[in-house]
Structure formats: C-alpha cells, structure tokens
Amino acid sequence: MILNPTTIELTSSHVMAIVNLTPDSFYATSRNMSEEDAARAIKRAIIEGATIVDLGGYSSRPGADNVDVEEEWRRVRMGLRAAYSVDSGVVVSIDTFRSEVVRRAYEEFGPIIVNDISAGEMDDAMVGVVARYNLPYVAMHMRGTPESMNQLTDYPKGVVRGVVDYFEGRVAELEKSGIRRENIILDPGFGFAKSIEQNWELLGGLDELRALGQPLLIGVSRKSMIYRLLNTTPDEALPGSLCVAWEALRGGAAILRVHDVAATRQVLELSNYYKEFAR
C-alpha cells in the first residue's frame, strides 16, 4: 500500500512522531507551544528516524480544554509552517476530527494524511473533504466523545469483536462515500472507550483486525494502559511503551505513533531483524 499522494509505502512499518501543539496533552514533554519549539521537535524526530510527523492542535484526553476551530487551525498552521521549514518533503499527518482544519491545511500546504479520532463521526463533512482531496485517512475506533468515552466500555461480544465489527461496517461506509479503500488506515483506539484490561485484550487480538486487510496504526506510547498498570507515571512509561511497541509489530502494525522516536526506531529495526529468523 502506498499512501498517495505522500509516497509513503506501507510494505514495511513506520514510526510516526507525535508533535503536540497544545498546552494540555497528557505527556507534558510532548507539548510545543511555539513555532520554534515545533521546528526543533520535528527536526529531532526526522533525524531520529521518523518517516511521518503527526501534528495535533486539539488534545483528545479526557478533561482537556475545548478549543474552537480557529484556535485549532492557528496551532496546526504554526506546526505545518514549522514542519515544511525543516524539510519541504516531510510527510505530515494532522490529528484532527474537523473537516475545516483539513480543508485549510490542504489548500494552503498541499496533501497531508488525516488522522481522525472519530473516523468521521464527529464532523459530517469530514469524509467528503477527505474523499474530494483523495487523502490518506486514519480512521480510529472510539465511542462517544473524549468527555464521555470512559463510560462507554461495554462490549457484549468482547472488545476485539466489537472493534472488528465496527470497522467492517465503517470501512464499507467510508468507501461508499468516496474514500478509496487503499487510502484507509485503521487505528483500534487504545485508551479510547476501553478499560485497561480491554486495551491489553485488544493488543492480543491485532491479528483479527489485521485480517480486515487494512494497514494498522497503533498508538500506545506512554498511555495509561502501561503506567497505571505499573503504578507509575507517563514520564516513567518508556520501557513499557517499547515492550508494547514490540508486541504491536508482532501483531502486524504498519505505523507506530510514538513520543520517543529514537528508542522506538531501535525496536523496529530489531523486530525487522528478528522476523528474518522467525518465519
């Protein structure tokens, strides 16, 4: 699979660097509130081996401040300027559920990857915008909103079956609405409407999700499924994050969305080497 028009091939796994442009993302070290800070973070991520940079101007953690579309766009535009000042050919993803942010980004800067936590369900215009511009689209599984998702963790058939069933229907809807199947990437949504136990159950069921035929993006970096289980903090969650990243690669992850690029890149390289002996 090639993510047209970014020319990123998904025949091998990639590291996506998280570059938050918000003051309240759950991992404080990832916050970049100026264009200069963002440029430094992006330059470092590229040097360390990231092949995709994910810019976020709206924090989706529970309890985060709501921001209007103008403020989100101000932050994202700042990040885009920073990214292209560092490397005019960098592959950029925008973490947003708002079609207006996507439209403005495309019209001013050109093609980008859209990383949507709601799979198009929080903005009715999103799918049409993505289809019109023929953009790669990451559709994430979530129930409700970031404010309500923690109360929506009941999966009568189990969380893996629940996520698989959702994506079977959602991919068909996205394709019917004009998004090309080859442009669709699935994110199981670790930490979104899932308990700690359900997150680990989902990690163990990645092969069932992979069987849907779409590339998987996995975002588990420094999340509560790791640090709460170990009774630590996000700051202390790097070893656990790397452990889970290895297992995600074993489960077929095409993209690892992470805070720690250099360390994750080592995991990826070792995983690729190991696969040569584990056939």
Protein backbone atom coordinates (compact mmCIF):
# COMPACT_ATOMS: atom_id res chain seq x y z
CA MET A 1 0.00 0.00 0.00
CA ILE A 2 1.24 3.49 -0.89
CA LEU A 3 -0.23 6.48 0.89
CA ASN A 4 -0.91 8.65 -2.13
CA PRO A 5 -0.01 11.44 -2.54
CA THR A 6 2.70 11.21 0.14
CA THR A 7 4.57 8.27 -1.46
CA ILE A 8 4.97 6.51 1.90
CA GLU A 9 4.89 2.78 1.24
CA LEU A 10 3.33 0.57 3.91
CA THR A 11 5.04 -2.61 2.81
CA SER A 12 7.23 -2.08 5.89
CA SER A 13 6.49 -0.50 9.27
CA HIS A 14 6.97 3.19 10.02
CA VAL A 15 7.48 5.41 13.06
CA MET A 16 5.11 8.37 13.32
CA ALA A 17 6.35 11.13 15.65
CA ILE A 18 3.82 12.84 17.92
CA VAL A 19 4.23 16.62 17.86
CA ASN A 20 1.59 18.17 20.09
CA LEU A 21 0.80 21.85 19.62
CA THR A 22 -1.38 22.02 22.71
CA PRO A 23 -0.77 23.21 26.29
CA ASP A 24 -2.59 20.26 27.89
CA SER A 25 -1.60 16.99 26.20
CA PHE A 26 -1.28 14.21 28.78
CA TYR A 27 2.50 13.86 28.33
CA ALA A 28 3.92 17.28 29.13
CA THR A 29 7.25 16.74 27.37
CA SER A 30 5.46 16.43 24.02
CA ARG A 31 3.96 19.94 24.15
CA ASN A 32 5.27 22.53 21.68
CA MET A 33 3.72 25.95 22.03
CA SER A 34 5.83 27.99 19.62
CA GLU A 35 6.86 27.58 16.01
CA GLU A 36 10.48 27.39 17.08
CA ASP A 37 9.75 24.62 19.59
CA ALA A 38 7.77 22.70 16.97
CA ALA A 39 10.56 23.04 14.42
CA ARG A 40 13.13 21.72 16.90
CA ALA A 41 10.90 18.77 17.80
CA ILE A 42 10.25 17.95 14.14
CA LYS A 43 13.91 18.23 13.17
CA ARG A 44 14.87 15.90 16.01
CA ALA A 45 12.15 13.41 15.09
CA ILE A 46 13.32 13.26 11.47
CA ILE A 47 16.96 12.85 12.49
CA GLU A 48 15.97 10.05 14.86
CA GLY A 49 14.16 8.16 12.12
CA ALA A 50 10.53 9.23 11.99
CA THR A 51 9.07 8.96 8.49
CA ILE A 52 5.77 10.67 9.41
CA VAL A 53 5.20 13.67 11.68
CA ASP A 54 1.78 13.88 13.36
CA LEU A 55 0.68 17.40 14.30
CA GLY A 56 -2.10 17.87 16.84
CA GLY A 57 -3.75 21.14 17.79
CA TYR A 58 -6.59 19.69 19.88
CA SER A 59 -5.99 17.49 22.92
CA SER A 60 -8.32 14.49 22.99
CA ARG A 61 -7.52 13.35 26.53
CA PRO A 62 -10.48 13.28 28.98
CA GLY A 63 -10.89 16.64 30.68
CA ALA A 64 -8.84 18.59 28.14
CA ASP A 65 -9.90 22.13 27.30
CA ASN A 66 -12.21 22.54 24.33
CA VAL A 67 -10.85 24.85 21.64
CA ASP A 68 -12.70 26.31 18.69
CA VAL A 69 -11.77 25.67 15.09
CA GLU A 70 -9.92 28.99 14.75
CA GLU A 71 -7.59 28.24 17.64
CA GLU A 72 -7.01 24.68 16.48
CA TRP A 73 -6.21 25.93 12.99
CA ARG A 74 -3.84 28.57 14.38
CA ARG A 75 -1.89 25.84 16.16
CA VAL A 76 -1.91 23.41 13.24
CA ARG A 77 -0.89 26.11 10.75
CA MET A 78 2.02 27.01 13.02
CA GLY A 79 3.05 23.34 13.08
CA LEU A 80 2.78 23.00 9.32
CA ARG A 81 4.94 26.07 8.78
CA ALA A 82 7.49 24.63 11.18
CA ALA A 83 7.46 21.20 9.52
CA TYR A 84 7.99 22.47 6.00
CA SER A 85 10.65 24.93 7.14
CA VAL A 86 12.62 21.96 8.48
CA ASP A 87 12.06 19.70 5.48
CA SER A 88 9.95 20.66 2.48
CA GLY A 89 9.43 16.99 1.68
CA VAL A 90 8.39 15.81 5.13
CA VAL A 91 5.29 13.60 5.31
CA VAL A 92 2.81 15.28 7.65
CA SER A 93 -0.25 13.91 9.37
CA ILE A 94 -2.82 16.14 11.06
CA ASP A 95 -4.53 14.78 14.16
CA THR A 96 -7.98 16.38 13.84
CA PHE A 97 -11.65 15.49 13.62
CA ARG A 98 -12.57 18.80 11.96
CA SER A 99 -13.01 18.98 8.20
CA GLU A 100 -12.39 22.73 8.17
CA VAL A 101 -8.88 22.22 9.54
CA VAL A 102 -8.21 19.62 6.84
CA ARG A 103 -9.59 21.87 4.11
CA ARG A 104 -7.45 24.84 5.16
CA ALA A 105 -4.34 22.68 5.53
CA TYR A 106 -4.75 21.18 2.08
CA GLU A 107 -5.49 24.47 0.37
CA GLU A 108 -2.50 26.26 1.92
CA PHE A 109 0.09 23.50 2.19
CA GLY A 110 -1.00 20.65 -0.08
CA PRO A 111 -1.58 16.95 0.58
CA ILE A 112 -1.41 15.61 4.14
CA ILE A 113 -2.51 12.49 5.98
CA VAL A 114 -5.69 12.93 8.04
CA ASN A 115 -5.65 11.25 11.46
CA ASP A 116 -9.24 11.34 12.76
CA ILE A 117 -10.05 10.00 16.25
CA SER A 118 -13.74 9.79 15.34
CA ALA A 119 -13.49 8.01 11.95
CA GLY A 120 -15.60 10.83 10.51
CA GLU A 121 -18.39 10.64 13.08
CA MET A 122 -17.78 13.94 14.89
CA ASP A 123 -17.95 16.07 11.73
CA ASP A 124 -20.36 15.08 8.97
CA ALA A 125 -18.30 16.95 6.37
CA MET A 126 -15.00 15.19 7.10
CA VAL A 127 -15.46 12.16 4.86
CA GLY A 128 -16.44 14.30 1.89
CA VAL A 129 -13.42 16.56 2.29
CA VAL A 130 -11.02 13.62 2.54
CA ALA A 131 -12.61 11.96 -0.49
CA ARG A 132 -12.54 15.15 -2.55
CA TYR A 133 -8.83 15.68 -1.96
CA ASN A 134 -8.01 11.95 -2.19
CA LEU A 135 -6.10 11.98 1.10
CA PRO A 136 -4.81 9.08 3.18
CA TYR A 137 -7.18 8.65 6.11
CA VAL A 138 -6.60 7.14 9.55
CA ALA A 139 -9.97 6.08 10.98
CA MET A 140 -9.84 5.45 14.73
CA HIS A 141 -12.28 3.48 16.86
CA MET A 142 -13.88 5.48 19.66
CA ARG A 143 -17.26 5.59 21.31
CA GLY A 144 -18.91 8.87 22.25
CA THR A 145 -16.58 11.81 22.71
CA PRO A 146 -13.37 12.28 24.69
CA GLU A 147 -15.57 13.58 27.52
CA SER A 148 -17.93 10.58 27.59
CA MET A 149 -15.83 7.69 26.27
CA ASN A 150 -14.74 6.35 29.66
CA GLN A 151 -18.37 5.43 30.43
CA LEU A 152 -18.80 3.54 27.14
CA THR A 153 -16.68 0.44 27.66
CA ASP A 154 -19.35 -2.29 27.47
CA TYR A 155 -18.64 -4.74 24.64
CA PRO A 156 -21.11 -7.67 24.83
CA LYS A 157 -19.08 -9.75 22.34
CA GLY A 158 -15.72 -8.67 23.74
CA VAL A 159 -13.68 -5.64 22.80
CA VAL A 160 -11.84 -7.26 19.89
CA ARG A 161 -15.05 -8.42 18.24
CA GLY A 162 -16.63 -5.05 18.93
CA VAL A 163 -13.82 -3.14 17.22
CA VAL A 164 -13.69 -5.57 14.29
CA ASP A 165 -17.46 -5.33 13.75
CA TYR A 166 -17.28 -1.54 13.88
CA PHE A 167 -14.52 -1.33 11.30
CA GLU A 168 -16.19 -3.83 8.97
CA GLY A 169 -19.16 -1.50 8.75
CA ARG A 170 -17.24 1.76 8.88
CA VAL A 171 -14.78 0.91 6.10
CA ALA A 172 -17.69 0.00 3.84
CA GLU A 173 -19.35 3.34 4.64
CA LEU A 174 -16.16 5.31 4.01
CA GLU A 175 -15.62 3.58 0.69
CA LYS A 176 -19.23 4.16 -0.32
CA SER A 177 -18.76 7.85 0.49
CA GLY A 178 -15.78 8.16 -1.85
CA ILE A 179 -12.68 7.40 0.19
CA ARG A 180 -10.60 4.86 -1.69
CA ARG A 181 -10.04 1.65 0.26
CA GLU A 182 -6.32 1.80 -0.41
CA ASN A 183 -6.21 5.14 1.42
CA ILE A 184 -7.79 3.83 4.64
CA ILE A 185 -5.71 3.00 7.71
CA LEU A 186 -7.30 1.64 10.88
CA ASP A 187 -6.44 2.67 14.44
CA PRO A 188 -8.02 0.45 17.14
CA GLY A 189 -8.05 3.41 19.52
CA PHE A 190 -6.09 2.24 22.53
CA GLY A 191 -7.28 4.20 25.56
CA PHE A 192 -10.46 5.42 23.88
CA ALA A 193 -13.60 3.83 25.35
CA LYS A 194 -11.58 0.89 26.65
CA SER A 195 -10.63 -0.17 30.17
CA ILE A 196 -7.04 -1.07 30.98
CA GLU A 197 -7.90 -4.76 30.68
CA GLN A 198 -9.67 -4.21 27.35
CA ASN A 199 -6.64 -2.41 25.94
CA TRP A 200 -4.49 -5.45 26.63
CA GLU A 201 -7.15 -7.77 25.23
CA LEU A 202 -7.18 -5.62 22.10
CA LEU A 203 -3.40 -5.79 21.81
CA GLY A 204 -3.65 -9.57 21.87
CA GLY A 205 -6.26 -9.52 19.09
CA LEU A 206 -4.46 -7.43 16.49
CA ASP A 207 -4.34 -10.40 14.13
CA GLU A 208 -8.15 -10.29 13.89
CA LEU A 209 -8.02 -6.61 12.99
CA ARG A 210 -5.21 -7.19 10.53
CA ALA A 211 -7.42 -9.76 8.80
CA LEU A 212 -9.67 -6.89 7.67
CA GLY A 213 -7.00 -6.14 5.07
CA GLN A 214 -6.24 -2.53 6.02
CA PRO A 215 -2.94 -1.27 7.49
CA LEU A 216 -2.98 -0.71 11.24
CA LEU A 217 -1.79 2.37 13.10
CA ILE A 218 -1.06 1.65 16.75
CA GLY A 219 -0.80 4.42 19.33
CA VAL A 220 0.11 3.15 22.80
CA SER A 221 3.05 5.41 23.64
CA ARG A 222 3.16 6.29 27.37
CA LYS A 223 -0.58 5.65 27.75
CA SER A 224 -2.44 4.73 30.93
CA MET A 225 -2.71 1.06 29.96
CA ILE A 226 1.02 1.00 30.73
CA TYR A 227 1.70 3.41 33.56
CA ARG A 228 -1.44 2.76 35.61
CA LEU A 229 -0.87 -0.97 35.46
CA LEU A 230 2.67 -0.40 36.75
CA ASN A 231 1.58 2.30 39.23
CA THR A 232 3.92 4.85 37.67
CA THR A 233 3.50 7.98 35.51
CA PRO A 234 3.70 8.86 31.80
CA ASP A 235 7.23 10.15 32.44
CA GLU A 236 8.28 6.66 33.58
CA ALA A 237 6.48 4.73 30.84
CA LEU A 238 9.14 4.46 28.14
CA PRO A 239 10.26 0.87 28.91
CA GLY A 240 6.67 -0.31 28.94
CA SER A 241 5.91 1.60 25.75
CA LEU A 242 8.77 -0.12 23.96
CA CYS A 243 7.58 -3.52 25.18
CA VAL A 244 4.09 -2.86 23.82
CA ALA A 245 5.52 -1.47 20.57
CA TRP A 246 7.36 -4.77 20.01
CA GLU A 247 4.15 -6.71 20.52
CA ALA A 248 2.25 -4.34 18.21
CA LEU A 249 4.80 -5.02 15.48
CA ARG A 250 4.39 -8.76 16.07
CA GLY A 251 0.67 -8.20 15.58
CA GLY A 252 1.23 -6.53 12.21
CA ALA A 253 1.32 -2.79 12.96
CA ALA A 254 2.18 -0.73 9.89
CA ILE A 255 2.63 2.56 11.79
CA LEU A 256 3.69 3.14 15.39
CA ARG A 257 2.59 6.55 16.67
CA VAL A 258 5.05 7.48 19.43
CA HIS A 259 6.62 10.16 21.57
CA ASP A 260 10.07 8.55 21.62
CA VAL A 261 11.31 8.14 18.06
CA ALA A 262 14.92 7.03 18.53
CA ALA A 263 14.08 4.32 21.06
CA THR A 264 11.13 3.06 19.02
CA ARG A 265 13.25 3.04 15.88
CA GLN A 266 15.59 0.60 17.60
CA VAL A 267 12.64 -1.64 18.44
CA LEU A 268 11.52 -1.52 14.81
CA GLU A 269 14.96 -2.38 13.47
CA LEU A 270 15.33 -5.30 15.91
CA SER A 271 11.84 -6.51 15.03
CA ASN A 272 12.72 -6.49 11.33
CA TYR A 273 15.90 -8.44 12.06
CA TYR A 274 14.05 -10.95 14.24
CA LYS A 275 11.48 -11.60 11.53
CA GLU A 276 14.22 -12.95 9.30
CA PHE A 277 14.67 -15.82 11.77
CA ALA A 278 11.08 -16.36 12.86
CA ARG A 279 9.43 -17.42 9.63
